[in-house]
């Protein structure tokens, strides 16, 4: 499977979109309020900007993606972002010696109170 995942937004009854091991590309920031209305499960590959396992070059790139995921999830309360996590690239200028490799962008590693803000 290849192409832009947004091409599948034309299927209004689509309730699961699991594309993790594919060559699909795109940008989650392109998802609009009227896209994927029935979606309950979403897994996008690293090739999608903001997809699961995406390596970010800068920590400052993360808030835009997290805001998109938050808005998308807020619009669709039943949505499950299956296995989503992000990583800081080891080539990043924000990388530092002593970094323990924990997925610092894993929403599950953030205390619940902070996630609600």
Foldseek 3Di string as FASTA:
>chain_A
DEEEPQVVQVPQQDAEDAQAPHHYEEELVPDDLSGNQNHQEDADYLRYHLGAAPADQDPVVPVVSLVSVVVVCVSPVNHDDPRHFYHHDPNHPPDDPPPPRPRPRPPVVDPPVVSVD
